[in-house]
PDB file of N, CA and C in Angstrom:
ATOM      1  N   MET A   1      99.056 167.553  80.502  1.00  0.00           N
ATOM      2  CA  MET A   1      98.825 167.657  79.525  1.00  0.00           C
ATOM      3  C   MET A   1      98.014 169.135  79.380  1.00  0.00           C
ATOM      4  N   THR A   2      98.724 169.920  78.137  1.00  0.00           N
ATOM      5  CA  THR A   2      97.753 171.357  77.485  1.00  0.00           C
ATOM      6  C   THR A   2      98.049 170.492  75.924  1.00  0.00           C
ATOM      7  N   SER A   3      96.295 171.120  75.372  1.00  0.00           N
ATOM      8  CA  SER A   3      96.406 171.184  74.110  1.00  0.00           C
ATOM      9  C   SER A   3      96.308 172.744  73.025  1.00  0.00           C
ATOM     10  N   ILE A   4      96.044 172.591  72.360  1.00  0.00           N
ATOM     11  CA  ILE A   4      95.542 173.786  71.614  1.00  0.00           C
ATOM     12  C   ILE A   4      95.642 174.077  70.622  1.00  0.00           C
ATOM     13  N   ALA A   5      94.621 173.869  69.816  1.00  0.00           N
ATOM     14  CA  ALA A   5      94.080 173.466  67.873  1.00  0.00           C
ATOM     15  C   ALA A   5      95.077 174.770  67.265  1.00  0.00           C
ATOM     16  N   GLY A   6      94.725 173.724  66.388  1.00  0.00           N
ATOM     17  CA  GLY A   6      95.486 175.054  65.316  1.00  0.00           C
ATOM     18  C   GLY A   6      94.476 174.894  64.368  1.00  0.00           C
ATOM     19  N   GLU A   7      95.225 175.503  63.402  1.00  0.00           N
ATOM     20  CA  GLU A   7      95.071 176.456  62.211  1.00  0.00           C
ATOM     21  C   GLU A   7      93.975 175.785  61.623  1.00  0.00           C
ATOM     22  N   GLY A   8      93.113 174.400  62.485  1.00  0.00           N
ATOM     23  CA  GLY A   8      92.120 172.960  60.955  1.00  0.00           C
ATOM     24  C   GLY A   8      93.305 172.586  60.462  1.00  0.00           C
ATOM     25  N   ASP A   9      94.528 172.329  59.786  1.00  0.00           N
ATOM     26  CA  ASP A   9      94.963 171.141  59.231  1.00  0.00           C
ATOM     27  C   ASP A   9      95.128 170.324  60.000  1.00  0.00           C
ATOM     28  N   TRP A  10      95.836 170.750  61.239  1.00  0.00           N
ATOM     29  CA  TRP A  10      96.452 170.238  62.570  1.00  0.00           C
ATOM     30  C   TRP A  10      96.330 170.720  64.216  1.00  0.00           C
ATOM     31  N   THR A  11      96.824 169.177  65.272  1.00  0.00           N
ATOM     32  CA  THR A  11      96.120 169.825  67.100  1.00  0.00           C
ATOM     33  C   THR A  11      97.182 170.298  67.512  1.00  0.00           C
ATOM     34  N   THR A  12      97.726 169.794  67.968  1.00  0.00           N
ATOM     35  CA  THR A  12      99.108 169.830  68.993  1.00  0.00           C
ATOM     36  C   THR A  12      98.666 170.009  70.722  1.00  0.00           C
ATOM     37  N   THR A  13      99.763 169.040  70.639  1.00  0.00           N
ATOM     38  CA  THR A  13      99.468 168.480  71.888  1.00  0.00           C
ATOM     39  C   THR A  13     100.833 168.461  72.330  1.00  0.00           C
ATOM     40  N   PHE A  14     100.674 168.913  74.470  1.00  0.00           N
ATOM     41  CA  PHE A  14     102.084 169.080  75.298  1.00  0.00           C
ATOM     42  C   PHE A  14     102.111 168.300  75.509  1.00  0.00           C
ATOM     43  N   GLU A  15     103.383 167.474  76.629  1.00  0.00           N
ATOM     44  CA  GLU A  15     103.467 166.147  77.659  1.00  0.00           C
ATOM     45  C   GLU A  15     104.264 167.149  78.523  1.00  0.00           C
ATOM     46  N   TYR A  16     104.967 166.824  79.278  1.00  0.00           N
ATOM     47  CA  TYR A  16     105.616 166.765  80.715  1.00  0.00           C
ATOM     48  C   TYR A  16     106.554 165.356  81.346  1.00  0.00           C
ATOM     49  N   ASN A  17     107.542 165.187  81.533  1.00  0.00           N
ATOM     50  CA  ASN A  17     107.780 163.852  82.161  1.00  0.00           C
ATOM     51  C   ASN A  17     108.315 163.944  83.222  1.00  0.00           C
ATOM     52  N   ASP A  18     109.249 162.853  84.011  1.00  0.00           N
ATOM     53  CA  ASP A  18     108.974 163.136  85.509  1.00  0.00           C
ATOM     54  C   ASP A  18     110.325 164.001  85.243  1.00  0.00           C
ATOM     55  N   GLN A  19     111.050 164.576  84.830  1.00  0.00           N
ATOM     56  CA  GLN A  19     111.586 165.381  84.513  1.00  0.00           C
ATOM     57  C   GLN A  19     111.216 166.939  84.103  1.00  0.00           C
ATOM     58  N   GLY A  20     110.244 167.026  84.178  1.00  0.00           N
ATOM     59  CA  GLY A  20     109.543 168.006  83.291  1.00  0.00           C
ATOM     60  C   GLY A  20     110.038 168.566  81.816  1.00  0.00           C
ATOM     61  N   ARG A  21     110.316 167.706  81.042  1.00  0.00           N
ATOM     62  CA  ARG A  21     110.830 168.242  79.703  1.00  0.00           C
ATOM     63  C   ARG A  21     110.406 167.363  79.087  1.00  0.00           C
ATOM     64  N   LYS A  22     109.356 168.441  77.897  1.00  0.00           N
ATOM     65  CA  LYS A  22     108.182 168.557  77.574  1.00  0.00           C
ATOM     66  C   LYS A  22     108.449 168.243  75.639  1.00  0.00           C
ATOM     67  N   SER A  23     107.140 167.154  75.855  1.00  0.00           N
ATOM     68  CA  SER A  23     107.139 166.371  74.335  1.00  0.00           C
ATOM     69  C   SER A  23     106.198 167.421  74.270  1.00  0.00           C
ATOM     70  N   ARG A  24     106.032 168.237  72.344  1.00  0.00           N
ATOM     71  CA  ARG A  24     104.964 168.584  71.677  1.00  0.00           C
ATOM     72  C   ARG A  24     104.493 167.096  70.596  1.00  0.00           C
ATOM     73  N   ILE A  25     102.823 167.057  70.585  1.00  0.00           N
ATOM     74  CA  ILE A  25     102.664 166.334  69.115  1.00  0.00           C
ATOM     75  C   ILE A  25     101.915 166.825  68.486  1.00  0.00           C
ATOM     76  N   VAL A  26     102.207 166.658  67.251  1.00  0.00           N
ATOM     77  CA  VAL A  26     101.500 167.750  66.676  1.00  0.00           C
ATOM     78  C   VAL A  26     100.409 166.342  65.639  1.00  0.00           C
ATOM     79  N   LYS A  27      99.252 166.760  65.463  1.00  0.00           N
ATOM     80  CA  LYS A  27      98.288 165.560  64.914  1.00  0.00           C
ATOM     81  C   LYS A  27      97.687 166.006  64.069  1.00  0.00           C
ATOM     82  N   SER A  28      97.995 166.143  62.684  1.00  0.00           N
ATOM     83  CA  SER A  28      97.507 166.334  60.717  1.00  0.00           C
ATOM     84  C   SER A  28      96.051 165.879  61.372  1.00  0.00           C
ATOM     85  N   ALA A  29      94.933 166.281  61.234  1.00  0.00           N
ATOM     86  CA  ALA A  29      93.677 166.801  60.486  1.00  0.00           C
ATOM     87  C   ALA A  29      93.578 166.323  59.237  1.00  0.00           C
ATOM     88  N   ARG A  30      94.295 165.904  58.581  1.00  0.00           N
ATOM     89  CA  ARG A  30      93.684 165.787  57.000  1.00  0.00           C
ATOM     90  C   ARG A  30      93.645 164.584  56.499  1.00  0.00           C
ATOM     91  N   LYS A  31      93.280 164.705  55.944  1.00  0.00           N
ATOM     92  CA  LYS A  31      92.581 163.124  55.261  1.00  0.00           C
ATOM     93  C   LYS A  31      94.231 162.154  54.799  1.00  0.00           C
ATOM     94  N   ALA A  32      94.510 161.137  55.023  1.00  0.00           N
ATOM     95  CA  ALA A  32      95.563 160.603  54.544  1.00  0.00           C
ATOM     96  C   ALA A  32      95.054 160.102  52.682  1.00  0.00           C
ATOM     97  N   SER A  33      95.738 160.048  51.547  1.00  0.00           N
ATOM     98  CA  SER A  33      95.460 159.569  50.967  1.00  0.00           C
ATOM     99  C   SER A  33      96.212 158.308  50.514  1.00  0.00           C
ATOM    100  N   GLY A  34      95.702 157.827  49.425  1.00  0.00           N
ATOM    101  CA  GLY A  34      96.446 156.397  48.801  1.00  0.00           C
ATOM    102  C   GLY A  34      97.714 156.784  48.620  1.00  0.00           C
ATOM    103  N   GLY A  35      98.692 158.023  47.956  1.00  0.00           N
ATOM    104  CA  GLY A  35      99.228 158.459  47.598  1.00  0.00           C
ATOM    105  C   GLY A  35     100.092 158.581  48.430  1.00  0.00           C
ATOM    106  N   THR A  36     102.001 158.351  48.023  1.00  0.00           N
ATOM    107  CA  THR A  36     103.415 159.189  49.127  1.00  0.00           C
ATOM    108  C   THR A  36     102.588 159.947  50.322  1.00  0.00           C
ATOM    109  N   GLN A  37     103.230 159.877  50.944  1.00  0.00           N
ATOM    110  CA  GLN A  37     102.961 160.916  51.967  1.00  0.00           C
ATOM    111  C   GLN A  37     104.240 160.987  52.048  1.00  0.00           C
ATOM    112  N   GLY A  38     104.202 162.652  52.647  1.00  0.00           N
ATOM    113  CA  GLY A  38     106.140 163.069  52.331  1.00  0.00           C
ATOM    114  C   GLY A  38     105.384 164.367  54.036  1.00  0.00           C
ATOM    115  N   SER A  39     106.468 165.089  53.727  1.00  0.00           N
ATOM    116  CA  SER A  39     106.681 165.664  54.918  1.00  0.00           C
ATOM    117  C   SER A  39     107.735 166.904  55.215  1.00  0.00           C
ATOM    118  N   GLY A  40     107.907 167.721  55.956  1.00  0.00           N
ATOM    119  CA  GLY A  40     109.376 168.392  55.648  1.00  0.00           C
ATOM    120  C   GLY A  40     109.493 169.566  56.994  1.00  0.00           C
ATOM    121  N   VAL A  41     110.456 170.387  56.860  1.00  0.00           N
ATOM    122  CA  VAL A  41     111.093 170.936  58.515  1.00  0.00           C
ATOM    123  C   VAL A  41     112.009 172.330  57.682  1.00  0.00           C
ATOM    124  N   SER A  42     111.946 173.289  57.529  1.00  0.00           N
ATOM    125  CA  SER A  42     112.720 174.668  57.284  1.00  0.00           C
ATOM    126  C   SER A  42     113.710 175.281  58.492  1.00  0.00           C
ATOM    127  N   LEU A  43     114.445 175.025  58.481  1.00  0.00           N
ATOM    128  CA  LEU A  43     115.599 175.095  59.049  1.00  0.00           C
ATOM    129  C   LEU A  43     115.292 175.992  59.112  1.00  0.00           C
ATOM    130  N   ASP A  44     114.815 177.707  59.163  1.00  0.00           N
ATOM    131  CA  ASP A  44     115.367 178.889  59.591  1.00  0.00           C
ATOM    132  C   ASP A  44     113.766 178.711  60.870  1.00  0.00           C
ATOM    133  N   SER A  45     113.507 178.045  60.904  1.00  0.00           N
ATOM    134  CA  SER A  45     111.909 177.456  62.221  1.00  0.00           C
ATOM    135  C   SER A  45     112.739 177.949  63.613  1.00  0.00           C
ATOM    136  N   GLU A  46     112.284 178.046  64.395  1.00  0.00           N
ATOM    137  CA  GLU A  46     113.432 179.033  65.646  1.00  0.00           C
ATOM    138  C   GLU A  46     113.652 177.128  65.970  1.00  0.00           C
ATOM    139  N   ASP A  47     112.323 176.620  66.444  1.00  0.00           N
ATOM    140  CA  ASP A  47     112.455 175.062  67.162  1.00  0.00           C
ATOM    141  C   ASP A  47     111.694 174.281  66.216  1.00  0.00           C
ATOM    142  N   LEU A  48     112.210 174.513  64.867  1.00  0.00           N
ATOM    143  CA  LEU A  48     112.421 173.633  63.566  1.00  0.00           C
ATOM    144  C   LEU A  48     110.769 172.871  63.247  1.00  0.00           C
ATOM    145  N   PHE A  49     109.587 173.701  63.545  1.00  0.00           N
ATOM    146  CA  PHE A  49     108.856 172.861  63.617  1.00  0.00           C
ATOM    147  C   PHE A  49     108.395 172.563  62.649  1.00  0.00           C
ATOM    148  N   VAL A  50     108.472 170.604  62.509  1.00  0.00           N
ATOM    149  CA  VAL A  50     107.776 170.240  61.463  1.00  0.00           C
ATOM    150  C   VAL A  50     106.661 169.898  61.421  1.00  0.00           C
ATOM    151  N   VAL A  51     105.933 170.134  59.604  1.00  0.00           N
ATOM    152  CA  VAL A  51     104.904 169.765  59.167  1.00  0.00           C
ATOM    153  C   VAL A  51     104.261 168.740  58.931  1.00  0.00           C
ATOM    154  N   PRO A  52     103.751 167.810  60.512  1.00  0.00           N
ATOM    155  CA  PRO A  52     103.082 166.266  59.499  1.00  0.00           C
ATOM    156  C   PRO A  52     102.081 165.869  58.733  1.00  0.00           C
ATOM    157  N   PRO A  53     102.834 164.347  57.653  1.00  0.00           N
ATOM    158  CA  PRO A  53     102.258 164.588  56.551  1.00  0.00           C
ATOM    159  C   PRO A  53     100.151 164.285  57.147  1.00  0.00           C
ATOM    160  N   ALA A  54      99.518 164.028  56.351  1.00  0.00           N
ATOM    161  CA  ALA A  54      98.257 164.300  55.934  1.00  0.00           C
ATOM    162  C   ALA A  54      97.932 162.767  56.965  1.00  0.00           C
ATOM    163  N   GLY A  55      96.986 162.998  57.806  1.00  0.00           N
ATOM    164  CA  GLY A  55      95.937 162.100  58.551  1.00  0.00           C
ATOM    165  C   GLY A  55      97.965 160.992  59.982  1.00  0.00           C
ATOM    166  N   GLY A  56      98.643 161.972  59.547  1.00  0.00           N
ATOM    167  CA  GLY A  56      99.225 161.278  60.075  1.00  0.00           C
ATOM    168  C   GLY A  56      99.693 162.727  61.972  1.00  0.00           C
ATOM    169  N   MET A  57     101.087 162.159  61.895  1.00  0.00           N
ATOM    170  CA  MET A  57     101.744 162.772  63.023  1.00  0.00           C
ATOM    171  C   MET A  57     102.643 163.572  63.285  1.00  0.00           C
ATOM    172  N   VAL A  58     103.218 164.529  63.720  1.00  0.00           N
ATOM    173  CA  VAL A  58     104.831 164.545  64.772  1.00  0.00           C
ATOM    174  C   VAL A  58     105.215 164.500  66.375  1.00  0.00           C
ATOM    175  N   LYS A  59     105.630 163.769  66.254  1.00  0.00           N
ATOM    176  CA  LYS A  59     106.827 163.521  68.352  1.00  0.00           C
ATOM    177  C   LYS A  59     107.894 164.342  67.720  1.00  0.00           C
ATOM    178  N   THR A  60     107.950 165.603  69.208  1.00  0.00           N
ATOM    179  CA  THR A  60     109.370 166.676  69.012  1.00  0.00           C
ATOM    180  C   THR A  60     109.538 166.321  70.458  1.00  0.00           C
ATOM    181  N   SER A  61     110.833 165.573  70.641  1.00  0.00           N
ATOM    182  CA  SER A  61     111.309 166.018  72.540  1.00  0.00           C
ATOM    183  C   SER A  61     112.049 167.211  71.943  1.00  0.00           C
ATOM    184  N   TYR A  62     112.112 167.717  74.131  1.00  0.00           N
ATOM    185  CA  TYR A  62     112.949 168.929  73.725  1.00  0.00           C
ATOM    186  C   TYR A  62     113.905 168.765  75.064  1.00  0.00           C
ATOM    187  N   ASN A  63     114.667 169.308  75.031  1.00  0.00           N
ATOM    188  CA  ASN A  63     116.171 169.172  75.958  1.00  0.00           C
ATOM    189  C   ASN A  63     116.213 169.757  77.750  1.00  0.00           C
ATOM    190  N   GLU A  64     117.000 169.829  78.911  1.00  0.00           N
ATOM    191  CA  GLU A  64     116.758 170.173  79.357  1.00  0.00           C
ATOM    192  C   GLU A  64     116.799 172.667  79.258  1.00  0.00           C
ATOM    193  N   ARG A  65     117.246 172.945  77.973  1.00  0.00           N
ATOM    194  CA  ARG A  65     117.702 173.902  77.531  1.00  0.00           C
ATOM    195  C   ARG A  65     116.327 174.115  76.694  1.00  0.00           C
ATOM    196  N   ASP A  66     115.268 173.499  76.807  1.00  0.00           N
ATOM    197  CA  ASP A  66     113.746 173.297  76.418  1.00  0.00           C
ATOM    198  C   ASP A  66     113.848 173.683  74.776  1.00  0.00           C
ATOM    199  N   GLN A  67     114.909 173.513  74.348  1.00  0.00           N
ATOM    200  CA  GLN A  67     115.282 173.348  72.987  1.00  0.00           C
ATOM    201  C   GLN A  67     114.819 171.845  72.400  1.00  0.00           C
ATOM    202  N   ALA A  68     114.605 172.158  70.830  1.00  0.00           N
ATOM    203  CA  ALA A  68     114.361 170.648  70.013  1.00  0.00           C
ATOM    204  C   ALA A  68     114.905 170.186  69.845  1.00  0.00           C
ATOM    205  N   VAL A  69     114.988 168.576  70.409  1.00  0.00           N
ATOM    206  CA  VAL A  69     116.455 168.218  69.837  1.00  0.00           C
ATOM    207  C   VAL A  69     116.581 166.790  69.218  1.00  0.00           C
ATOM    208  N   GLU A  70     114.727 166.030  68.793  1.00  0.00           N
ATOM    209  CA  GLU A  70     115.019 164.988  67.920  1.00  0.00           C
ATOM    210  C   GLU A  70     113.481 165.814  67.517  1.00  0.00           C
ATOM    211  N   SER A  71     112.407 164.782  66.742  1.00  0.00           N
ATOM    212  CA  SER A  71     111.383 165.270  66.730  1.00  0.00           C
ATOM    213  C   SER A  71     111.279 163.271  65.450  1.00  0.00           C
ATOM    214  N   ARG A  72     110.645 162.975  66.439  1.00  0.00           N
ATOM    215  CA  ARG A  72     109.852 161.124  64.817  1.00  0.00           C
ATOM    216  C   ARG A  72     108.378 161.491  64.371  1.00  0.00           C
ATOM    217  N   VAL A  73     108.669 162.181  63.063  1.00  0.00           N
ATOM    218  CA  VAL A  73     107.844 161.529  61.871  1.00  0.00           C
ATOM    219  C   VAL A  73     106.682 160.686  61.740  1.00  0.00           C
ATOM    220  N   TYR A  74     105.391 160.265  62.179  1.00  0.00           N
ATOM    221  CA  TYR A  74     104.621 158.937  61.448  1.00  0.00           C
ATOM    222  C   TYR A  74     103.402 159.462  60.645  1.00  0.00           C
ATOM    223  N   THR A  75     103.556 157.856  60.191  1.00  0.00           N
ATOM    224  CA  THR A  75     102.547 158.085  58.627  1.00  0.00           C
ATOM    225  C   THR A  75     101.247 157.880  59.834  1.00  0.00           C
ATOM    226  N   SER A  76     100.233 157.762  58.623  1.00  0.00           N
ATOM    227  CA  SER A  76      98.638 157.912  59.281  1.00  0.00           C
ATOM    228  C   SER A  76      98.210 156.509  59.956  1.00  0.00           C
ATOM    229  N   ASN A  77      99.424 155.676  59.193  1.00  0.00           N
ATOM    230  CA  ASN A  77      99.181 154.779  59.941  1.00  0.00           C
ATOM    231  C   ASN A  77     100.045 153.924  61.575  1.00  0.00           C
ATOM    232  N   GLY A  78     100.926 155.153  62.255  1.00  0.00           N
ATOM    233  CA  GLY A  78     100.829 154.717  62.941  1.00  0.00           C
ATOM    234  C   GLY A  78     102.636 154.106  62.376  1.00  0.00           C
ATOM    235  N   GLU A  79     103.376 154.588  61.520  1.00  0.00           N
ATOM    236  CA  GLU A  79     104.643 153.853  61.058  1.00  0.00           C
ATOM    237  C   GLU A  79     105.522 154.740  61.675  1.00  0.00           C
ATOM    238  N   LEU A  80     106.981 154.343  61.807  1.00  0.00           N
ATOM    239  CA  LEU A  80     107.608 155.620  61.909  1.00  0.00           C
ATOM    240  C   LEU A  80     108.208 155.976  60.461  1.00  0.00           C
ATOM    241  N   MET A  81     108.125 156.713  59.930  1.00  0.00           N
ATOM    242  CA  MET A  81     108.342 157.598  58.728  1.00  0.00           C
ATOM    243  C   MET A  81     109.996 158.658  58.804  1.00  0.00           C
ATOM    244  N   SER A  82     110.114 158.878  59.704  1.00  0.00           N
ATOM    245  CA  SER A  82     111.110 159.794  59.391  1.00  0.00           C
ATOM    246  C   SER A  82     111.731 160.336  60.650  1.00  0.00           C
ATOM    247  N   ARG A  83     113.078 160.264  60.700  1.00  0.00           N
ATOM    248  CA  ARG A  83     113.714 161.307  62.357  1.00  0.00           C
ATOM    249  C   ARG A  83     114.668 162.407  61.910  1.00  0.00           C
ATOM    250  N   LEU A  84     114.191 162.786  62.799  1.00  0.00           N
ATOM    251  CA  LEU A  84     114.992 163.739  63.260  1.00  0.00           C
ATOM    252  C   LEU A  84     115.919 164.236  64.619  1.00  0.00           C
ATOM    253  N   ASN A  85     117.144 164.908  63.957  1.00  0.00           N
ATOM    254  CA  ASN A  85     117.725 164.641  65.263  1.00  0.00           C
ATOM    255  C   ASN A  85     118.863 166.572  65.111  1.00  0.00           C
ATOM    256  N   ARG A  86     118.833 167.279  66.349  1.00  0.00           N
ATOM    257  CA  ARG A  86     119.689 168.267  66.386  1.00  0.00           C
ATOM    258  C   ARG A  86     120.665 168.287  67.255  1.00  0.00           C
ATOM    259  N   ALA A  87     121.585 169.361  66.694  1.00  0.00           N
ATOM    260  CA  ALA A  87     122.701 169.430  67.471  1.00  0.00           C
ATOM    261  C   ALA A  87     122.982 170.952  67.652  1.00  0.00           C
ATOM    262  N   TYR A  88     122.730 171.511  68.284  1.00  0.00           N
ATOM    263  CA  TYR A  88     123.312 173.360  68.847  1.00  0.00           C
ATOM    264  C   TYR A  88     124.966 173.440  69.708  1.00  0.00           C
ATOM    265  N   ASP A  89     125.118 175.072  69.306  1.00  0.00           N
ATOM    266  CA  ASP A  89     126.145 174.796  69.889  1.00  0.00           C
ATOM    267  C   ASP A  89     126.336 175.766  71.203  1.00  0.00           C
ATOM    268  N   ALA A  90     126.976 176.089  71.892  1.00  0.00           N
ATOM    269  CA  ALA A  90     127.240 176.827  73.299  1.00  0.00           C
ATOM    270  C   ALA A  90     126.490 178.643  72.600  1.00  0.00           C
ATOM    271  N   LYS A  91     125.818 178.561  71.886  1.00  0.00           N
ATOM    272  CA  LYS A  91     124.382 180.200  71.916  1.00  0.00           C
ATOM    273  C   LYS A  91     123.608 179.134  71.696  1.00  0.00           C
ATOM    274  N   GLY A  92     123.201 178.160  71.270  1.00  0.00           N
ATOM    275  CA  GLY A  92     121.818 178.176  71.446  1.00  0.00           C
ATOM    276  C   GLY A  92     121.327 177.542  69.798  1.00  0.00           C
ATOM    277  N   LEU A  93     121.924 177.798  69.087  1.00  0.00           N
ATOM    278  CA  LEU A  93     122.016 177.559  67.445  1.00  0.00           C
ATOM    279  C   LEU A  93     122.109 176.705  67.211  1.00  0.00           C
ATOM    280  N   VAL A  94     120.557 176.385  66.330  1.00  0.00           N
ATOM    281  CA  VAL A  94     121.237 174.417  65.748  1.00  0.00           C
ATOM    282  C   VAL A  94     122.029 174.665  64.540  1.00  0.00           C
ATOM    283  N   THR A  95     122.930 174.135  64.611  1.00  0.00           N
ATOM    284  CA  THR A  95     124.015 173.276  64.215  1.00  0.00           C
ATOM    285  C   THR A  95     124.396 172.381  62.921  1.00  0.00           C
ATOM    286  N   GLU A  96     124.043 171.544  63.628  1.00  0.00           N
ATOM    287  CA  GLU A  96     123.341 170.615  62.659  1.00  0.00           C
ATOM    288  C   GLU A  96     121.932 169.671  62.530  1.00  0.00           C
ATOM    289  N   LEU A  97     121.137 169.199  61.501  1.00  0.00           N
ATOM    290  CA  LEU A  97     120.410 168.188  61.768  1.00  0.00           C
ATOM    291  C   LEU A  97     120.216 167.803  60.660  1.00  0.00           C
ATOM    292  N   ASN A  98     120.326 166.209  60.847  1.00  0.00           N
ATOM    293  CA  ASN A  98     120.234 164.703  60.605  1.00  0.00           C
ATOM    294  C   ASN A  98     118.708 164.253  60.499  1.00  0.00           C
ATOM    295  N   ALA A  99     117.922 164.083  59.502  1.00  0.00           N
ATOM    296  CA  ALA A  99     117.021 162.928  58.886  1.00  0.00           C
ATOM    297  C   ALA A  99     117.261 161.610  58.750  1.00  0.00           C
ATOM    298  N   ARG A 100     116.654 160.674  59.176  1.00  0.00           N
ATOM    299  CA  ARG A 100     116.399 159.185  58.693  1.00  0.00           C
ATOM    300  C   ARG A 100     115.085 158.857  57.788  1.00  0.00           C
ATOM    301  N   THR A 101     115.124 158.097  57.372  1.00  0.00           N
ATOM    302  CA  THR A 101     114.221 157.848  56.847  1.00  0.00           C
ATOM    303  C   THR A 101     113.633 156.053  57.591  1.00  0.00           C
ATOM    304  N   ARG A 102     112.566 155.893  57.246  1.00  0.00           N
ATOM    305  CA  ARG A 102     112.127 154.294  57.025  1.00  0.00           C
ATOM    306  C   ARG A 102     113.171 153.301  56.415  1.00  0.00           C
ATOM    307  N   ARG A 103     113.098 154.005  55.258  1.00  0.00           N
ATOM    308  CA  ARG A 103     113.409 153.381  54.340  1.00  0.00           C
ATOM    309  C   ARG A 103     115.084 153.571  53.731  1.00  0.00           C
ATOM    310  N   GLY A 104     115.887 153.478  54.644  1.00  0.00           N
ATOM    311  CA  GLY A 104     117.540 153.729  55.511  1.00  0.00           C
ATOM    312  C   GLY A 104     117.447 155.512  54.751  1.00  0.00           C
ATOM    313  N   GLY A 105     117.340 155.842  53.840  1.00  0.00           N
ATOM    314  CA  GLY A 105     117.204 156.433  53.159  1.00  0.00           C
ATOM    315  C   GLY A 105     118.441 158.266  54.453  1.00  0.00           C
ATOM    316  N   ALA A 106     119.286 158.363  54.606  1.00  0.00           N
ATOM    317  CA  ALA A 106     119.591 159.442  55.588  1.00  0.00           C
ATOM    318  C   ALA A 106     120.090 160.885  54.621  1.00  0.00           C
ATOM    319  N   ARG A 107     119.672 162.490  55.527  1.00  0.00           N
ATOM    320  CA  ARG A 107     120.168 163.136  55.210  1.00  0.00           C
ATOM    321  C   ARG A 107     120.765 164.168  55.960  1.00  0.00           C
ATOM    322  N   SER A 108     121.592 165.176  56.148  1.00  0.00           N
ATOM    323  CA  SER A 108     122.320 165.807  57.201  1.00  0.00           C
ATOM    324  C   SER A 108     122.053 167.626  56.660  1.00  0.00           C
ATOM    325  N   ARG A 109     122.201 168.545  57.496  1.00  0.00           N
ATOM    326  CA  ARG A 109     122.599 169.573  57.346  1.00  0.00           C
ATOM    327  C   ARG A 109     123.775 170.335  58.198  1.00  0.00           C
ATOM    328  N   ARG A 110     124.771 170.872  58.461  1.00  0.00           N
ATOM    329  CA  ARG A 110     125.048 171.717  58.881  1.00  0.00           C
ATOM    330  C   ARG A 110     125.212 172.822  58.484  1.00  0.00           C
ATOM    331  N   ARG A 111     124.744 173.390  59.663  1.00  0.00           N
ATOM    332  CA  ARG A 111     125.594 174.843  59.709  1.00  0.00           C
ATOM    333  C   ARG A 111     126.543 175.887  59.956  1.00  0.00           C
ATOM    334  N   THR A 112     127.326 176.542  58.980  1.00  0.00           N
ATOM    335  CA  THR A 112     128.322 176.909  59.109  1.00  0.00           C
ATOM    336  C   THR A 112     127.984 178.403  60.027  1.00  0.00           C
ATOM    337  N   GLY A 113     127.009 178.921  59.597  1.00  0.00           N
ATOM    338  CA  GLY A 113     126.472 180.430  60.245  1.00  0.00           C
ATOM    339  C   GLY A 113     125.220 180.745  60.464  1.00  0.00           C
ATOM    340  N   ALA A 114     125.399 181.705  60.452  1.00  0.00           N
ATOM    341  CA  ALA A 114     123.422 182.515  60.518  1.00  0.00           C
ATOM    342  C   ALA A 114     122.723 182.045  58.957  1.00  0.00           C
ATOM    343  N   ALA A 115     122.990 181.638  57.943  1.00  0.00           N
ATOM    344  CA  ALA A 115     122.543 181.406  56.752  1.00  0.00           C
ATOM    345  C   ALA A 115     123.214 180.709  55.706  1.00  0.00           C
ATOM    346  N   ASP A 116     123.016 179.829  55.026  1.00  0.00           N
ATOM    347  CA  ASP A 116     123.934 179.015  53.648  1.00  0.00           C
ATOM    348  C   ASP A 116     124.349 179.288  52.643  1.00  0.00           C
ATOM    349  N   GLY A 117     122.983 180.349  52.759  1.00  0.00           N
ATOM    350  CA  GLY A 117     123.337 181.713  51.920  1.00  0.00           C
ATOM    351  C   GLY A 117     123.079 180.436  50.017  1.00  0.00           C
ATOM    352  N   ASP A 118     122.481 179.140  49.551  1.00  0.00           N
ATOM    353  CA  ASP A 118     122.284 178.345  48.655  1.00  0.00           C
ATOM    354  C   ASP A 118     121.576 178.465  48.610  1.00  0.00           C
ATOM    355  N   GLY A 119     120.191 178.859  49.319  1.00  0.00           N
ATOM    356  CA  GLY A 119     118.599 178.855  49.047  1.00  0.00           C
ATOM    357  C   GLY A 119     118.191 177.418  49.187  1.00  0.00           C
ATOM    358  N   SER A 120     118.743 177.002  50.037  1.00  0.00           N
ATOM    359  CA  SER A 120     118.653 174.783  50.150  1.00  0.00           C
ATOM    360  C   SER A 120     118.005 175.051  51.757  1.00  0.00           C
ATOM    361  N   ASP A 121     117.002 176.536  52.445  1.00  0.00           N
ATOM    362  CA  ASP A 121     116.844 175.649  54.001  1.00  0.00           C
ATOM    363  C   ASP A 121     115.422 175.245  54.417  1.00  0.00           C
ATOM    364  N   PHE A 122     115.595 174.215  53.294  1.00  0.00           N
ATOM    365  CA  PHE A 122     114.062 173.934  53.896  1.00  0.00           C
ATOM    366  C   PHE A 122     114.955 172.062  53.677  1.00  0.00           C
ATOM    367  N   LEU A 123     114.947 171.155  54.320  1.00  0.00           N
ATOM    368  CA  LEU A 123     115.175 169.849  54.582  1.00  0.00           C
ATOM    369  C   LEU A 123     113.673 169.190  54.225  1.00  0.00           C
ATOM    370  N   ARG A 124     113.185 168.306  52.622  1.00  0.00           N
ATOM    371  CA  ARG A 124     112.603 167.751  52.754  1.00  0.00           C
ATOM    372  C   ARG A 124     112.765 166.819  53.134  1.00  0.00           C
ATOM    373  N   LEU A 125     112.011 165.465  53.517  1.00  0.00           N
ATOM    374  CA  LEU A 125     111.539 164.630  54.062  1.00  0.00           C
ATOM    375  C   LEU A 125     111.501 163.357  53.410  1.00  0.00           C
TER     376      LEU A 125
END
């Protein structure tokens, strides 16, 4: 396990399983409020970093090519809030991002090129 301190808002820890596959755990240092918790992911980020909700955490699993393939977002109470899955093409570029929320909602973004050009390269969860 390797731990890296964040810039005050979160801490990051890396774990490796028996097959050497990496998982990144990002925990929010911000206090959770009683309101709605939210999170989001930039589609242009190289590893599709997901910012955890206040008081919550994000666990990201990587494949054998060290590509982020799944992120699970948890609330401050440890409840699974959303799950993101990614698909890659032969060049290692993200071609699809699917998100499912705990309320059964689903969102999907499919890439057809380097950028969609519609200004919506951010997926709010």
